[in-house]
Amino acid sequence: MGFSYGKVQSVRQNFQQAIYYYQKACDLKDEMGCANVGVKYYNGQGVKQNINTEKWYHGKT
């Protein structure tokens, strides 16, 4: 679901919604979910850019 919101596939692009679902996946130990949240923090998409937070999420993969 987060992929759909983050990549515009039949839904309106919404980075905050994408991050919400990516974080849910990360909480369930899904490595791609953690990596995708990290990418959003790295690029500042839907959240304020924060390299430390990005590194933390990528460290969970």
N, C-alpha and C. Protein backbone atom coordinates (compact mmCIF):
# COMPACT_ATOMS: atom_id res chain seq x y z
N MET A 1 0.82 -1.18 0.00
CA MET A 1 0.00 0.00 0.00
C MET A 1 0.86 1.25 0.00
N GLY A 2 1.91 1.26 0.80
CA GLY A 2 2.80 2.42 0.83
C GLY A 2 3.41 2.69 -0.54
N PHE A 3 3.74 1.62 -1.26
CA PHE A 3 4.31 1.76 -2.60
C PHE A 3 3.34 2.49 -3.52
N SER A 4 2.07 2.18 -3.42
CA SER A 4 1.07 2.83 -4.27
C SER A 4 1.02 4.33 -4.00
N TYR A 5 1.04 4.72 -2.74
CA TYR A 5 0.99 6.14 -2.40
C TYR A 5 2.29 6.85 -2.76
N GLY A 6 3.40 6.16 -2.66
CA GLY A 6 4.69 6.78 -2.94
C GLY A 6 5.04 6.84 -4.41
N LYS A 7 4.45 5.96 -5.22
CA LYS A 7 4.82 5.87 -6.63
C LYS A 7 3.69 6.24 -7.59
N VAL A 8 2.56 6.66 -7.11
CA VAL A 8 1.41 7.07 -7.91
C VAL A 8 0.94 5.95 -8.82
N GLN A 9 0.29 4.98 -8.25
CA GLN A 9 -0.29 3.90 -9.02
C GLN A 9 -1.77 3.81 -8.67
N SER A 10 -2.55 4.46 -9.43
CA SER A 10 -4.01 4.50 -9.31
C SER A 10 -4.51 5.19 -8.05
N VAL A 11 -3.63 5.82 -7.30
CA VAL A 11 -4.03 6.66 -6.17
C VAL A 11 -3.26 7.97 -6.27
N ARG A 12 -3.79 8.99 -5.63
CA ARG A 12 -3.13 10.29 -5.64
C ARG A 12 -1.86 10.22 -4.80
N GLN A 13 -0.76 10.77 -5.32
CA GLN A 13 0.52 10.71 -4.61
C GLN A 13 0.40 11.43 -3.27
N ASN A 14 0.80 10.74 -2.21
CA ASN A 14 0.70 11.27 -0.87
C ASN A 14 1.86 10.69 -0.06
N PHE A 15 2.95 11.45 0.06
CA PHE A 15 4.13 10.93 0.74
C PHE A 15 3.88 10.63 2.21
N GLN A 16 3.07 11.46 2.88
CA GLN A 16 2.78 11.21 4.30
C GLN A 16 2.06 9.87 4.47
N GLN A 17 1.12 9.58 3.59
CA GLN A 17 0.40 8.31 3.66
C GLN A 17 1.34 7.14 3.34
N ALA A 18 2.22 7.34 2.38
CA ALA A 18 3.20 6.30 2.04
C ALA A 18 4.08 6.00 3.24
N ILE A 19 4.57 7.05 3.91
CA ILE A 19 5.43 6.86 5.08
C ILE A 19 4.69 6.12 6.18
N TYR A 20 3.43 6.45 6.36
CA TYR A 20 2.61 5.77 7.38
C TYR A 20 2.63 4.26 7.14
N TYR A 21 2.37 3.84 5.90
CA TYR A 21 2.33 2.41 5.60
C TYR A 21 3.72 1.78 5.61
N TYR A 22 4.74 2.51 5.14
CA TYR A 22 6.10 1.99 5.22
C TYR A 22 6.52 1.77 6.67
N GLN A 23 6.16 2.71 7.56
CA GLN A 23 6.50 2.56 8.97
C GLN A 23 5.77 1.37 9.58
N LYS A 24 4.51 1.17 9.20
CA LYS A 24 3.77 0.00 9.67
C LYS A 24 4.50 -1.28 9.27
N ALA A 25 4.94 -1.33 8.01
CA ALA A 25 5.66 -2.50 7.52
C ALA A 25 6.98 -2.67 8.28
N CYS A 26 7.67 -1.57 8.51
CA CYS A 26 8.94 -1.62 9.25
C CYS A 26 8.71 -2.14 10.67
N ASP A 27 7.64 -1.70 11.30
CA ASP A 27 7.30 -2.16 12.65
C ASP A 27 7.08 -3.68 12.67
N LEU A 28 6.66 -4.22 11.53
CA LEU A 28 6.43 -5.66 11.42
C LEU A 28 7.67 -6.39 10.91
N LYS A 29 8.82 -5.71 10.98
CA LYS A 29 10.13 -6.28 10.62
C LYS A 29 10.31 -6.49 9.11
N ASP A 30 9.59 -5.70 8.31
CA ASP A 30 9.75 -5.76 6.86
C ASP A 30 10.89 -4.83 6.45
N GLU A 31 11.97 -5.42 5.92
CA GLU A 31 13.15 -4.63 5.59
C GLU A 31 12.89 -3.59 4.51
N MET A 32 12.08 -3.90 3.52
CA MET A 32 11.78 -2.94 2.46
C MET A 32 11.01 -1.75 3.02
N GLY A 33 10.12 -2.01 3.97
CA GLY A 33 9.40 -0.91 4.61
C GLY A 33 10.36 0.04 5.30
N CYS A 34 11.32 -0.52 6.04
CA CYS A 34 12.33 0.30 6.73
C CYS A 34 13.17 1.08 5.72
N ALA A 35 13.59 0.41 4.66
CA ALA A 35 14.42 1.06 3.65
C ALA A 35 13.66 2.20 2.98
N ASN A 36 12.38 1.99 2.70
CA ASN A 36 11.59 3.03 2.05
C ASN A 36 11.36 4.24 2.95
N VAL A 37 11.18 4.02 4.24
CA VAL A 37 11.06 5.15 5.16
C VAL A 37 12.39 5.92 5.15
N GLY A 38 13.49 5.19 5.18
CA GLY A 38 14.80 5.83 5.14
C GLY A 38 14.99 6.69 3.90
N VAL A 39 14.55 6.19 2.77
CA VAL A 39 14.67 6.95 1.52
C VAL A 39 13.86 8.24 1.60
N LYS A 40 12.68 8.18 2.18
CA LYS A 40 11.84 9.39 2.30
C LYS A 40 12.53 10.42 3.18
N TYR A 41 13.17 9.98 4.27
CA TYR A 41 13.90 10.92 5.13
C TYR A 41 15.14 11.46 4.41
N TYR A 42 15.80 10.63 3.65
CA TYR A 42 16.99 11.07 2.92
C TYR A 42 16.62 12.14 1.89
N ASN A 43 15.51 11.93 1.17
CA ASN A 43 15.09 12.86 0.13
C ASN A 43 14.22 14.00 0.64
N GLY A 44 13.76 13.91 1.87
CA GLY A 44 12.87 14.94 2.40
C GLY A 44 11.51 14.92 1.73
N GLN A 45 11.01 13.74 1.43
CA GLN A 45 9.70 13.59 0.78
C GLN A 45 8.64 13.26 1.82
N GLY A 46 7.80 14.23 2.12
CA GLY A 46 6.74 14.00 3.09
C GLY A 46 7.16 14.22 4.53
N VAL A 47 8.46 14.37 4.74
CA VAL A 47 9.03 14.63 6.07
C VAL A 47 10.19 15.59 5.90
N LYS A 48 10.58 16.22 6.99
CA LYS A 48 11.76 17.08 6.94
C LYS A 48 12.99 16.21 6.73
N GLN A 49 13.86 16.61 5.83
CA GLN A 49 15.06 15.83 5.55
C GLN A 49 15.87 15.66 6.82
N ASN A 50 16.27 14.42 7.10
CA ASN A 50 17.01 14.12 8.32
C ASN A 50 17.89 12.90 8.05
N ILE A 51 19.17 13.14 7.87
CA ILE A 51 20.09 12.06 7.53
C ILE A 51 20.27 11.09 8.69
N ASN A 52 20.23 11.58 9.93
CA ASN A 52 20.37 10.67 11.08
C ASN A 52 19.21 9.69 11.15
N THR A 53 18.00 10.18 10.92
CA THR A 53 16.83 9.29 10.93
C THR A 53 16.91 8.32 9.76
N GLU A 54 17.37 8.81 8.62
CA GLU A 54 17.54 7.93 7.44
C GLU A 54 18.50 6.80 7.78
N LYS A 55 19.62 7.13 8.41
CA LYS A 55 20.60 6.09 8.77
C LYS A 55 20.01 5.09 9.76
N TRP A 56 19.20 5.58 10.69
CA TRP A 56 18.59 4.70 11.68
C TRP A 56 17.68 3.68 10.99
N TYR A 57 16.84 4.16 10.07
CA TYR A 57 15.95 3.23 9.35
C TYR A 57 16.73 2.28 8.46
N HIS A 58 17.75 2.75 7.79
CA HIS A 58 18.54 1.85 6.96
C HIS A 58 19.33 0.85 7.81
N GLY A 59 19.64 1.23 9.04
CA GLY A 59 20.32 0.30 9.94
C GLY A 59 19.44 -0.87 10.36
N LYS A 60 18.12 -0.69 10.23
CA LYS A 60 17.18 -1.76 10.59
C LYS A 60 17.03 -2.80 9.48
N THR A 61 17.61 -2.52 8.31
CA THR A 61 17.47 -3.47 7.19
C THR A 61 18.50 -4.55 7.24
